[in-house]
């Protein structure tokens, strides 16, 4: 059970392992936060990529070499790196947390 949960969180999407382990609150929170970070990374990445292309290469058509230069520039910007590193950290946390197991079993109430 723990291996499946780890694989779901590590290789499919963060939070799915927690949902598999029936830790619903944590799973939903991680999935929502991961979706927010993915959207932020894509938005900032596309914004920086288009901004850099217009500022430096605009009259010329986009080639593979220009795309490589643009990507290296975007990947080195702190505005892109901050949410990207947060996403990677969240992904790693979700995988390790899912591997640790599901929610703790409820102890029976003493009379």
PDB file of N, CA and C in Angstrom:
ATOM      1  N   UNK A   1       0.829  -1.193   0.000  1.00  0.00           N
ATOM      2  CA  UNK A   1       0.000   0.000   0.000  1.00  0.00           C
ATOM      3  C   UNK A   1       0.871   1.254   0.000  1.00  0.00           C
ATOM      4  N   UNK A   2       1.927   1.242   0.795  1.00  0.00           N
ATOM      5  CA  UNK A   2       2.795   2.414   0.862  1.00  0.00           C
ATOM      6  C   UNK A   2       3.564   2.625  -0.436  1.00  0.00           C
ATOM      7  N   UNK A   3       3.928   1.544  -1.107  1.00  0.00           N
ATOM      8  CA  UNK A   3       4.672   1.682  -2.361  1.00  0.00           C
ATOM      9  C   UNK A   3       3.783   2.312  -3.424  1.00  0.00           C
ATOM     10  N   UNK A   4       2.538   1.873  -3.518  1.00  0.00           N
ATOM     11  CA  UNK A   4       1.618   2.473  -4.489  1.00  0.00           C
ATOM     12  C   UNK A   4       1.405   3.949  -4.193  1.00  0.00           C
ATOM     13  N   UNK A   5       1.244   4.280  -2.923  1.00  0.00           N
ATOM     14  CA  UNK A   5       1.036   5.679  -2.538  1.00  0.00           C
ATOM     15  C   UNK A   5       2.254   6.516  -2.904  1.00  0.00           C
ATOM     16  N   UNK A   6       3.448   5.983  -2.643  1.00  0.00           N
ATOM     17  CA  UNK A   6       4.679   6.700  -3.004  1.00  0.00           C
ATOM     18  C   UNK A   6       4.747   6.916  -4.507  1.00  0.00           C
ATOM     19  N   UNK A   7       4.474   5.871  -5.281  1.00  0.00           N
ATOM     20  CA  UNK A   7       4.555   5.982  -6.739  1.00  0.00           C
ATOM     21  C   UNK A   7       3.532   6.980  -7.284  1.00  0.00           C
ATOM     22  N   UNK A   8       2.341   6.988  -6.698  1.00  0.00           N
ATOM     23  CA  UNK A   8       1.328   7.953  -7.138  1.00  0.00           C
ATOM     24  C   UNK A   8       1.773   9.389  -6.881  1.00  0.00           C
ATOM     25  N   UNK A   9       2.326   9.638  -5.688  1.00  0.00           N
ATOM     26  CA  UNK A   9       2.743  11.006  -5.363  1.00  0.00           C
ATOM     27  C   UNK A   9       4.037  11.393  -6.048  1.00  0.00           C
ATOM     28  N   UNK A  10       4.923  10.430  -6.263  1.00  0.00           N
ATOM     29  CA  UNK A  10       6.224  10.759  -6.845  1.00  0.00           C
ATOM     30  C   UNK A  10       6.173  10.884  -8.368  1.00  0.00           C
ATOM     31  N   UNK A  11       5.407  10.029  -9.030  1.00  0.00           N
ATOM     32  CA  UNK A  11       5.482   9.974 -10.496  1.00  0.00           C
ATOM     33  C   UNK A  11       4.217  10.398 -11.221  1.00  0.00           C
ATOM     34  N   UNK A  12       3.096  10.523 -10.522  1.00  0.00           N
ATOM     35  CA  UNK A  12       1.872  10.946 -11.197  1.00  0.00           C
ATOM     36  C   UNK A  12       1.578  12.406 -10.855  1.00  0.00           C
ATOM     37  N   UNK A  13       1.222  12.686  -9.601  1.00  0.00           N
ATOM     38  CA  UNK A  13       0.975  14.063  -9.173  1.00  0.00           C
ATOM     39  C   UNK A  13       0.997  14.105  -7.654  1.00  0.00           C
ATOM     40  N   UNK A  14       1.581  15.149  -7.067  1.00  0.00           N
ATOM     41  CA  UNK A  14       1.637  15.218  -5.607  1.00  0.00           C
ATOM     42  C   UNK A  14       0.245  15.278  -4.990  1.00  0.00           C
ATOM     43  N   UNK A  15       0.075  14.529  -3.925  1.00  0.00           N
ATOM     44  CA  UNK A  15      -1.189  14.494  -3.215  1.00  0.00           C
ATOM     45  C   UNK A  15      -2.011  13.260  -3.526  1.00  0.00           C
ATOM     46  N   UNK A  16      -1.756  12.607  -4.654  1.00  0.00           N
ATOM     47  CA  UNK A  16      -2.523  11.411  -4.986  1.00  0.00           C
ATOM     48  C   UNK A  16      -2.205  10.254  -4.048  1.00  0.00           C
ATOM     49  N   UNK A  17      -0.981  10.184  -3.578  1.00  0.00           N
ATOM     50  CA  UNK A  17      -0.623   9.151  -2.609  1.00  0.00           C
ATOM     51  C   UNK A  17      -1.357   9.340  -1.289  1.00  0.00           C
ATOM     52  N   UNK A  18      -1.498  10.573  -0.869  1.00  0.00           N
ATOM     53  CA  UNK A  18      -2.243  10.848   0.363  1.00  0.00           C
ATOM     54  C   UNK A  18      -3.713  10.469   0.182  1.00  0.00           C
ATOM     55  N   UNK A  19      -4.273  10.770  -0.973  1.00  0.00           N
ATOM     56  CA  UNK A  19      -5.660  10.381  -1.246  1.00  0.00           C
ATOM     57  C   UNK A  19      -5.790   8.862  -1.284  1.00  0.00           C
ATOM     58  N   UNK A  20      -4.810   8.171  -1.839  1.00  0.00           N
ATOM     59  CA  UNK A  20      -4.817   6.708  -1.865  1.00  0.00           C
ATOM     60  C   UNK A  20      -4.751   6.141  -0.445  1.00  0.00           C
ATOM     61  N   UNK A  21      -3.984   6.808   0.419  1.00  0.00           N
ATOM     62  CA  UNK A  21      -3.868   6.383   1.818  1.00  0.00           C
ATOM     63  C   UNK A  21      -5.058   6.825   2.664  1.00  0.00           C
ATOM     64  N   UNK A  22      -6.044   7.438   2.038  1.00  0.00           N
ATOM     65  CA  UNK A  22      -7.258   7.922   2.690  1.00  0.00           C
ATOM     66  C   UNK A  22      -6.999   9.059   3.679  1.00  0.00           C
ATOM     67  N   UNK A  23      -5.957   9.828   3.429  1.00  0.00           N
ATOM     68  CA  UNK A  23      -5.687  11.043   4.205  1.00  0.00           C
ATOM     69  C   UNK A  23      -6.225  12.203   3.353  1.00  0.00           C
ATOM     70  N   UNK A  24      -7.540  12.358   3.365  1.00  0.00           N
ATOM     71  CA  UNK A  24      -8.212  13.224   2.406  1.00  0.00           C
ATOM     72  C   UNK A  24      -7.883  14.700   2.564  1.00  0.00           C
ATOM     73  N   UNK A  25      -7.866  15.200   3.779  1.00  0.00           N
ATOM     74  CA  UNK A  25      -7.615  16.635   3.975  1.00  0.00           C
ATOM     75  C   UNK A  25      -6.232  17.018   3.461  1.00  0.00           C
ATOM     76  N   UNK A  26      -5.228  16.242   3.839  1.00  0.00           N
ATOM     77  CA  UNK A  26      -3.873  16.549   3.394  1.00  0.00           C
ATOM     78  C   UNK A  26      -3.743  16.346   1.884  1.00  0.00           C
ATOM     79  N   UNK A  27      -4.371  15.305   1.358  1.00  0.00           N
ATOM     80  CA  UNK A  27      -4.302  15.037  -0.078  1.00  0.00           C
ATOM     81  C   UNK A  27      -4.904  16.148  -0.910  1.00  0.00           C
ATOM     82  N   UNK A  28      -6.082  16.610  -0.514  1.00  0.00           N
ATOM     83  CA  UNK A  28      -6.740  17.690  -1.255  1.00  0.00           C
ATOM     84  C   UNK A  28      -5.924  18.976  -1.156  1.00  0.00           C
ATOM     85  N   UNK A  29      -5.393  19.263   0.031  1.00  0.00           N
ATOM     86  CA  UNK A  29      -4.585  20.475   0.203  1.00  0.00           C
ATOM     87  C   UNK A  29      -3.332  20.422  -0.682  1.00  0.00           C
ATOM     88  N   UNK A  30      -2.669  19.284  -0.728  1.00  0.00           N
ATOM     89  CA  UNK A  30      -1.453  19.165  -1.543  1.00  0.00           C
ATOM     90  C   UNK A  30      -1.787  19.255  -3.027  1.00  0.00           C
ATOM     91  N   UNK A  31      -2.871  18.610  -3.463  1.00  0.00           N
ATOM     92  CA  UNK A  31      -3.259  18.681  -4.878  1.00  0.00           C
ATOM     93  C   UNK A  31      -3.580  20.122  -5.263  1.00  0.00           C
ATOM     94  N   UNK A  32      -4.329  20.825  -4.425  1.00  0.00           N
ATOM     95  CA  UNK A  32      -4.678  22.220  -4.738  1.00  0.00           C
ATOM     96  C   UNK A  32      -3.441  23.118  -4.774  1.00  0.00           C
ATOM     97  N   UNK A  33      -2.549  22.954  -3.792  1.00  0.00           N
ATOM     98  CA  UNK A  33      -1.332  23.756  -3.764  1.00  0.00           C
ATOM     99  C   UNK A  33      -0.433  23.439  -4.961  1.00  0.00           C
ATOM    100  N   UNK A  34      -0.343  22.170  -5.324  1.00  0.00           N
ATOM    101  CA  UNK A  34       0.467  21.786  -6.481  1.00  0.00           C
ATOM    102  C   UNK A  34      -0.114  22.369  -7.766  1.00  0.00           C
ATOM    103  N   UNK A  35      -1.433  22.338  -7.908  1.00  0.00           N
ATOM    104  CA  UNK A  35      -2.063  22.940  -9.089  1.00  0.00           C
ATOM    105  C   UNK A  35      -1.790  24.438  -9.160  1.00  0.00           C
ATOM    106  N   UNK A  36      -1.869  25.109  -8.021  1.00  0.00           N
ATOM    107  CA  UNK A  36      -1.571  26.535  -7.977  1.00  0.00           C
ATOM    108  C   UNK A  36      -0.126  26.808  -8.399  1.00  0.00           C
ATOM    109  N   UNK A  37       0.802  26.014  -7.879  1.00  0.00           N
ATOM    110  CA  UNK A  37       2.210  26.221  -8.222  1.00  0.00           C
ATOM    111  C   UNK A  37       2.498  25.892  -9.688  1.00  0.00           C
ATOM    112  N   UNK A  38       1.870  24.845 -10.226  1.00  0.00           N
ATOM    113  CA  UNK A  38       2.051  24.522 -11.646  1.00  0.00           C
ATOM    114  C   UNK A  38       1.539  25.668 -12.508  1.00  0.00           C
ATOM    115  N   UNK A  39       0.373  26.189 -12.178  1.00  0.00           N
ATOM    116  CA  UNK A  39      -0.175  27.318 -12.936  1.00  0.00           C
ATOM    117  C   UNK A  39       0.738  28.541 -12.843  1.00  0.00           C
ATOM    118  N   UNK A  40       1.266  28.800 -11.652  1.00  0.00           N
ATOM    119  CA  UNK A  40       2.165  29.942 -11.468  1.00  0.00           C
ATOM    120  C   UNK A  40       3.452  29.768 -12.257  1.00  0.00           C
ATOM    121  N   UNK A  41       4.027  28.574 -12.227  1.00  0.00           N
ATOM    122  CA  UNK A  41       5.254  28.303 -12.988  1.00  0.00           C
ATOM    123  C   UNK A  41       5.002  28.484 -14.478  1.00  0.00           C
ATOM    124  N   UNK A  42       3.904  27.952 -14.982  1.00  0.00           N
ATOM    125  CA  UNK A  42       3.602  28.101 -16.412  1.00  0.00           C
ATOM    126  C   UNK A  42       3.338  29.557 -16.782  1.00  0.00           C
ATOM    127  N   UNK A  43       2.574  30.246 -15.970  1.00  0.00           N
ATOM    128  CA  UNK A  43       2.268  31.641 -16.261  1.00  0.00           C
ATOM    129  C   UNK A  43       3.518  32.511 -16.268  1.00  0.00           C
ATOM    130  N   UNK A  44       4.326  32.378 -15.227  1.00  0.00           N
ATOM    131  CA  UNK A  44       5.552  33.181 -15.145  1.00  0.00           C
ATOM    132  C   UNK A  44       6.522  32.783 -16.256  1.00  0.00           C
ATOM    133  N   UNK A  45       6.631  31.491 -16.525  1.00  0.00           N
ATOM    134  CA  UNK A  45       7.534  31.032 -17.580  1.00  0.00           C
ATOM    135  C   UNK A  45       7.160  31.571 -18.944  1.00  0.00           C
ATOM    136  N   UNK A  46       5.888  31.492 -19.292  1.00  0.00           N
ATOM    137  CA  UNK A  46       5.432  32.002 -20.590  1.00  0.00           C
ATOM    138  C   UNK A  46       5.581  33.514 -20.654  1.00  0.00           C
ATOM    139  N   UNK A  47       5.277  34.192 -19.557  1.00  0.00           N
ATOM    140  CA  UNK A  47       5.404  35.645 -19.527  1.00  0.00           C
ATOM    141  C   UNK A  47       6.862  36.074 -19.752  1.00  0.00           C
ATOM    142  N   UNK A  48       7.778  35.451 -19.015  1.00  0.00           N
ATOM    143  CA  UNK A  48       9.192  35.797 -19.169  1.00  0.00           C
ATOM    144  C   UNK A  48       9.721  35.419 -20.547  1.00  0.00           C
ATOM    145  N   UNK A  49       9.292  34.279 -21.058  1.00  0.00           N
ATOM    146  CA  UNK A  49       9.736  33.831 -22.369  1.00  0.00           C
ATOM    147  C   UNK A  49       9.296  34.800 -23.457  1.00  0.00           C
ATOM    148  N   UNK A  50       8.034  35.193 -23.436  1.00  0.00           N
ATOM    149  CA  UNK A  50       7.548  36.117 -24.461  1.00  0.00           C
ATOM    150  C   UNK A  50       8.157  37.501 -24.296  1.00  0.00           C
ATOM    151  N   UNK A  51       8.321  37.939 -23.062  1.00  0.00           N
ATOM    152  CA  UNK A  51       8.922  39.252 -22.804  1.00  0.00           C
ATOM    153  C   UNK A  51      10.355  39.298 -23.326  1.00  0.00           C
ATOM    154  N   UNK A  52      11.114  38.257 -23.068  1.00  0.00           N
ATOM    155  CA  UNK A  52      12.509  38.203 -23.515  1.00  0.00           C
ATOM    156  C   UNK A  52      12.595  38.098 -25.032  1.00  0.00           C
ATOM    157  N   UNK A  53      11.711  37.310 -25.635  1.00  0.00           N
ATOM    158  CA  UNK A  53      11.706  37.176 -27.091  1.00  0.00           C
ATOM    159  C   UNK A  53      11.415  38.505 -27.765  1.00  0.00           C
ATOM    160  N   UNK A  54      10.422  39.218 -27.255  1.00  0.00           N
ATOM    161  CA  UNK A  54      10.069  40.511 -27.851  1.00  0.00           C
ATOM    162  C   UNK A  54      11.193  41.519 -27.667  1.00  0.00           C
ATOM    163  N   UNK A  55      11.837  41.505 -26.506  1.00  0.00           N
ATOM    164  CA  UNK A  55      12.895  42.479 -26.232  1.00  0.00           C
ATOM    165  C   UNK A  55      14.159  42.213 -27.038  1.00  0.00           C
ATOM    166  N   UNK A  56      14.475  40.961 -27.325  1.00  0.00           N
ATOM    167  CA  UNK A  56      15.771  40.653 -27.931  1.00  0.00           C
ATOM    168  C   UNK A  56      15.658  40.190 -29.379  1.00  0.00           C
ATOM    169  N   UNK A  57      14.727  39.301 -29.694  1.00  0.00           N
ATOM    170  CA  UNK A  57      14.733  38.623 -30.987  1.00  0.00           C
ATOM    171  C   UNK A  57      13.554  38.953 -31.892  1.00  0.00           C
ATOM    172  N   UNK A  58      12.656  39.831 -31.498  1.00  0.00           N
ATOM    173  CA  UNK A  58      11.346  39.952 -32.139  1.00  0.00           C
ATOM    174  C   UNK A  58      11.330  39.975 -33.664  1.00  0.00           C
ATOM    175  N   UNK A  59      12.076  40.779 -34.355  1.00  0.00           N
ATOM    176  CA  UNK A  59      11.875  40.795 -35.819  1.00  0.00           C
ATOM    177  C   UNK A  59      12.224  39.465 -36.482  1.00  0.00           C
ATOM    178  N   UNK A  60      13.089  38.694 -35.873  1.00  0.00           N
ATOM    179  CA  UNK A  60      13.507  37.424 -36.485  1.00  0.00           C
ATOM    180  C   UNK A  60      12.588  36.286 -36.048  1.00  0.00           C
ATOM    181  N   UNK A  61      12.440  35.276 -36.895  1.00  0.00           N
ATOM    182  CA  UNK A  61      11.611  34.125 -36.495  1.00  0.00           C
ATOM    183  C   UNK A  61      12.302  33.324 -35.391  1.00  0.00           C
ATOM    184  N   UNK A  62      11.508  32.654 -34.609  1.00  0.00           N
ATOM    185  CA  UNK A  62      12.010  31.872 -33.487  1.00  0.00           C
ATOM    186  C   UNK A  62      12.627  30.572 -34.009  1.00  0.00           C
ATOM    187  N   UNK A  63      13.899  30.367 -33.719  1.00  0.00           N
ATOM    188  CA  UNK A  63      14.602  29.144 -34.130  1.00  0.00           C
ATOM    189  C   UNK A  63      14.926  28.308 -32.888  1.00  0.00           C
ATOM    190  N   UNK A  64      15.434  27.131 -33.118  1.00  0.00           N
ATOM    191  CA  UNK A  64      15.803  26.256 -32.010  1.00  0.00           C
ATOM    192  C   UNK A  64      16.892  26.857 -31.138  1.00  0.00           C
ATOM    193  N   UNK A  65      17.878  27.473 -31.756  1.00  0.00           N
ATOM    194  CA  UNK A  65      18.974  28.091 -31.000  1.00  0.00           C
ATOM    195  C   UNK A  65      18.463  29.264 -30.161  1.00  0.00           C
ATOM    196  N   UNK A  66      17.591  30.080 -30.738  1.00  0.00           N
ATOM    197  CA  UNK A  66      17.010  31.196 -29.979  1.00  0.00           C
ATOM    198  C   UNK A  66      16.171  30.669 -28.812  1.00  0.00           C
ATOM    199  N   UNK A  67      15.420  29.591 -29.037  1.00  0.00           N
ATOM    200  CA  UNK A  67      14.601  29.013 -27.980  1.00  0.00           C
ATOM    201  C   UNK A  67      15.477  28.508 -26.842  1.00  0.00           C
ATOM    202  N   UNK A  68      16.620  27.904 -27.162  1.00  0.00           N
ATOM    203  CA  UNK A  68      17.544  27.427 -26.130  1.00  0.00           C
ATOM    204  C   UNK A  68      18.056  28.597 -25.304  1.00  0.00           C
ATOM    205  N   UNK A  69      18.441  29.684 -25.955  1.00  0.00           N
ATOM    206  CA  UNK A  69      18.933  30.878 -25.260  1.00  0.00           C
ATOM    207  C   UNK A  69      17.836  31.459 -24.364  1.00  0.00           C
ATOM    208  N   UNK A  70      16.621  31.551 -24.891  1.00  0.00           N
ATOM    209  CA  UNK A  70      15.506  32.097 -24.128  1.00  0.00           C
ATOM    210  C   UNK A  70      15.197  31.228 -22.904  1.00  0.00           C
ATOM    211  N   UNK A  71      15.188  29.914 -23.081  1.00  0.00           N
ATOM    212  CA  UNK A  71      14.905  29.013 -21.960  1.00  0.00           C
ATOM    213  C   UNK A  71      15.975  29.116 -20.879  1.00  0.00           C
ATOM    214  N   UNK A  72      17.226  29.202 -21.266  1.00  0.00           N
ATOM    215  CA  UNK A  72      18.307  29.339 -20.275  1.00  0.00           C
ATOM    216  C   UNK A  72      18.152  30.648 -19.499  1.00  0.00           C
ATOM    217  N   UNK A  73      17.732  31.704 -20.188  1.00  0.00           N
ATOM    218  CA  UNK A  73      17.526  32.980 -19.516  1.00  0.00           C
ATOM    219  C   UNK A  73      16.344  32.911 -18.546  1.00  0.00           C
ATOM    220  N   UNK A  74      15.250  32.300 -18.976  1.00  0.00           N
ATOM    221  CA  UNK A  74      14.064  32.187 -18.123  1.00  0.00           C
ATOM    222  C   UNK A  74      14.359  31.312 -16.911  1.00  0.00           C
ATOM    223  N   UNK A  75      15.055  30.197 -17.103  1.00  0.00           N
ATOM    224  CA  UNK A  75      15.347  29.280 -16.002  1.00  0.00           C
ATOM    225  C   UNK A  75      16.277  29.883 -14.958  1.00  0.00           C
ATOM    226  N   UNK A  76      17.010  30.926 -15.315  1.00  0.00           N
ATOM    227  CA  UNK A  76      17.933  31.540 -14.358  1.00  0.00           C
ATOM    228  C   UNK A  76      17.302  32.707 -13.593  1.00  0.00           C
ATOM    229  N   UNK A  77      16.078  33.065 -13.911  1.00  0.00           N
ATOM    230  CA  UNK A  77      15.414  34.198 -13.249  1.00  0.00           C
ATOM    231  C   UNK A  77      14.812  33.766 -11.911  1.00  0.00           C
ATOM    232  N   UNK A  78      15.030  34.558 -10.851  1.00  0.00           N
ATOM    233  CA  UNK A  78      14.441  34.233  -9.543  1.00  0.00           C
ATOM    234  C   UNK A  78      12.912  34.212  -9.557  1.00  0.00           C
ATOM    235  N   UNK A  79      12.295  35.019 -10.410  1.00  0.00           N
ATOM    236  CA  UNK A  79      10.837  35.050 -10.504  1.00  0.00           C
ATOM    237  C   UNK A  79      10.288  33.694 -10.956  1.00  0.00           C
ATOM    238  N   UNK A  80      11.063  32.973 -11.760  1.00  0.00           N
ATOM    239  CA  UNK A  80      10.672  31.639 -12.196  1.00  0.00           C
ATOM    240  C   UNK A  80      11.155  30.584 -11.210  1.00  0.00           C
ATOM    241  N   UNK A  81      12.365  30.754 -10.698  1.00  0.00           N
ATOM    242  CA  UNK A  81      12.964  29.736  -9.833  1.00  0.00           C
ATOM    243  C   UNK A  81      12.226  29.568  -8.500  1.00  0.00           C
ATOM    244  N   UNK A  82      11.713  30.631  -7.932  1.00  0.00           N
ATOM    245  CA  UNK A  82      11.046  30.539  -6.623  1.00  0.00           C
ATOM    246  C   UNK A  82       9.843  29.593  -6.658  1.00  0.00           C
ATOM    247  N   UNK A  83       8.851  29.812  -7.541  1.00  0.00           N
ATOM    248  CA  UNK A  83       7.728  28.865  -7.545  1.00  0.00           C
ATOM    249  C   UNK A  83       8.119  27.478  -8.046  1.00  0.00           C
ATOM    250  N   UNK A  84       9.104  27.410  -8.945  1.00  0.00           N
ATOM    251  CA  UNK A  84       9.548  26.111  -9.450  1.00  0.00           C
ATOM    252  C   UNK A  84      10.175  25.283  -8.330  1.00  0.00           C
ATOM    253  N   UNK A  85      11.024  25.907  -7.519  1.00  0.00           N
ATOM    254  CA  UNK A  85      11.649  25.191  -6.397  1.00  0.00           C
ATOM    255  C   UNK A  85      10.612  24.812  -5.340  1.00  0.00           C
ATOM    256  N   UNK A  86       9.629  25.676  -5.107  1.00  0.00           N
ATOM    257  CA  UNK A  86       8.545  25.333  -4.183  1.00  0.00           C
ATOM    258  C   UNK A  86       7.753  24.124  -4.682  1.00  0.00           C
ATOM    259  N   UNK A  87       7.515  24.069  -5.989  1.00  0.00           N
ATOM    260  CA  UNK A  87       6.799  22.933  -6.567  1.00  0.00           C
ATOM    261  C   UNK A  87       7.598  21.642  -6.409  1.00  0.00           C
ATOM    262  N   UNK A  88       8.899  21.689  -6.678  1.00  0.00           N
ATOM    263  CA  UNK A  88       9.741  20.505  -6.526  1.00  0.00           C
ATOM    264  C   UNK A  88       9.780  20.072  -5.061  1.00  0.00           C
ATOM    265  N   UNK A  89       9.893  21.024  -4.147  1.00  0.00           N
ATOM    266  CA  UNK A  89       9.891  20.702  -2.723  1.00  0.00           C
ATOM    267  C   UNK A  89       8.576  20.085  -2.273  1.00  0.00           C
ATOM    268  N   UNK A  90       7.456  20.631  -2.748  1.00  0.00           N
ATOM    269  CA  UNK A  90       6.144  20.080  -2.414  1.00  0.00           C
ATOM    270  C   UNK A  90       6.009  18.669  -2.968  1.00  0.00           C
ATOM    271  N   UNK A  91       6.507  18.450  -4.179  1.00  0.00           N
ATOM    272  CA  UNK A  91       6.431  17.134  -4.807  1.00  0.00           C
ATOM    273  C   UNK A  91       7.225  16.114  -3.982  1.00  0.00           C
ATOM    274  N   UNK A  92       8.424  16.501  -3.552  1.00  0.00           N
ATOM    275  CA  UNK A  92       9.254  15.604  -2.741  1.00  0.00           C
ATOM    276  C   UNK A  92       8.590  15.330  -1.387  1.00  0.00           C
ATOM    277  N   UNK A  93       8.047  16.369  -0.760  1.00  0.00           N
ATOM    278  CA  UNK A  93       7.355  16.188   0.520  1.00  0.00           C
ATOM    279  C   UNK A  93       6.187  15.227   0.367  1.00  0.00           C
ATOM    280  N   UNK A  94       5.401  15.402  -0.687  1.00  0.00           N
ATOM    281  CA  UNK A  94       4.226  14.556  -0.896  1.00  0.00           C
ATOM    282  C   UNK A  94       4.629  13.101  -1.086  1.00  0.00           C
ATOM    283  N   UNK A  95       5.714  12.857  -1.826  1.00  0.00           N
ATOM    284  CA  UNK A  95       6.157  11.486  -2.056  1.00  0.00           C
ATOM    285  C   UNK A  95       6.632  10.832  -0.758  1.00  0.00           C
ATOM    286  N   UNK A  96       7.424  11.551   0.019  1.00  0.00           N
ATOM    287  CA  UNK A  96       7.938  10.993   1.278  1.00  0.00           C
ATOM    288  C   UNK A  96       6.797  10.799   2.273  1.00  0.00           C
ATOM    289  N   UNK A  97       5.898  11.757   2.357  1.00  0.00           N
ATOM    290  CA  UNK A  97       4.771  11.649   3.281  1.00  0.00           C
ATOM    291  C   UNK A  97       3.853  10.483   2.906  1.00  0.00           C
ATOM    292  N   UNK A  98       3.633  10.286   1.620  1.00  0.00           N
ATOM    293  CA  UNK A  98       2.784   9.172   1.188  1.00  0.00           C
ATOM    294  C   UNK A  98       3.444   7.835   1.489  1.00  0.00           C
ATOM    295  N   UNK A  99       4.773   7.774   1.395  1.00  0.00           N
ATOM    296  CA  UNK A  99       5.487   6.526   1.676  1.00  0.00           C
ATOM    297  C   UNK A  99       5.440   6.181   3.164  1.00  0.00           C
ATOM    298  N   UNK A 100       5.304   7.186   4.014  1.00  0.00           N
ATOM    299  CA  UNK A 100       5.246   6.935   5.460  1.00  0.00           C
ATOM    300  C   UNK A 100       3.965   6.248   5.875  1.00  0.00           C
ATOM    301  N   UNK A 101       2.929   6.382   5.091  1.00  0.00           N
ATOM    302  CA  UNK A 101       1.697   5.671   5.401  1.00  0.00           C
ATOM    303  C   UNK A 101       0.504   6.581   5.520  1.00  0.00           C
ATOM    304  N   UNK A 102      -0.629   5.954   5.741  1.00  0.00           N
ATOM    305  CA  UNK A 102      -1.894   6.657   5.811  1.00  0.00           C
ATOM    306  C   UNK A 102      -2.135   7.274   7.159  1.00  0.00           C
ATOM    307  N   UNK A 103      -3.377   7.662   7.387  1.00  0.00           N
ATOM    308  CA  UNK A 103      -3.718   8.273   8.667  1.00  0.00           C
ATOM    309  C   UNK A 103      -3.585   7.261   9.798  1.00  0.00           C
ATOM    310  N   UNK A 104      -3.337   7.764  10.971  1.00  0.00           N
ATOM    311  CA  UNK A 104      -3.183   6.891  12.139  1.00  0.00           C
ATOM    312  C   UNK A 104      -4.527   6.246  12.467  1.00  0.00           C
ATOM    313  N   UNK A 105      -4.528   4.949  12.817  1.00  0.00           N
ATOM    314  CA  UNK A 105      -5.788   4.310  13.177  1.00  0.00           C
ATOM    315  C   UNK A 105      -6.347   4.900  14.470  1.00  0.00           C
ATOM    316  N   UNK A 106      -7.651   4.990  14.519  1.00  0.00           N
ATOM    317  CA  UNK A 106      -8.315   5.526  15.696  1.00  0.00           C
ATOM    318  C   UNK A 106      -8.252   4.502  16.814  1.00  0.00           C
ATOM    319  N   UNK A 107      -7.860   4.942  18.001  1.00  0.00           N
ATOM    320  CA  UNK A 107      -7.834   4.041  19.135  1.00  0.00           C
ATOM    321  C   UNK A 107      -9.246   3.943  19.721  1.00  0.00           C
ATOM    322  N   UNK A 108      -9.631   2.756  20.171  1.00  0.00           N
ATOM    323  CA  UNK A 108     -10.977   2.643  20.751  1.00  0.00           C
ATOM    324  C   UNK A 108     -11.070   3.439  22.044  1.00  0.00           C
ATOM    325  N   UNK A 109     -12.224   4.024  22.234  1.00  0.00           N
ATOM    326  CA  UNK A 109     -12.432   4.863  23.413  1.00  0.00           C
ATOM    327  C   UNK A 109     -12.552   3.977  24.651  1.00  0.00           C
ATOM    328  N   UNK A 110     -11.879   4.399  25.694  1.00  0.00           N
ATOM    329  CA  UNK A 110     -11.972   3.661  26.962  1.00  0.00           C
ATOM    330  C   UNK A 110     -13.242   4.067  27.697  1.00  0.00           C
ATOM    331  N   UNK A 111     -13.942   3.105  28.299  1.00  0.00           N
ATOM    332  CA  UNK A 111     -15.172   3.464  29.019  1.00  0.00           C
ATOM    333  C   UNK A 111     -14.923   4.207  30.287  1.00  0.00           C
TER     334      UNK A 111
END
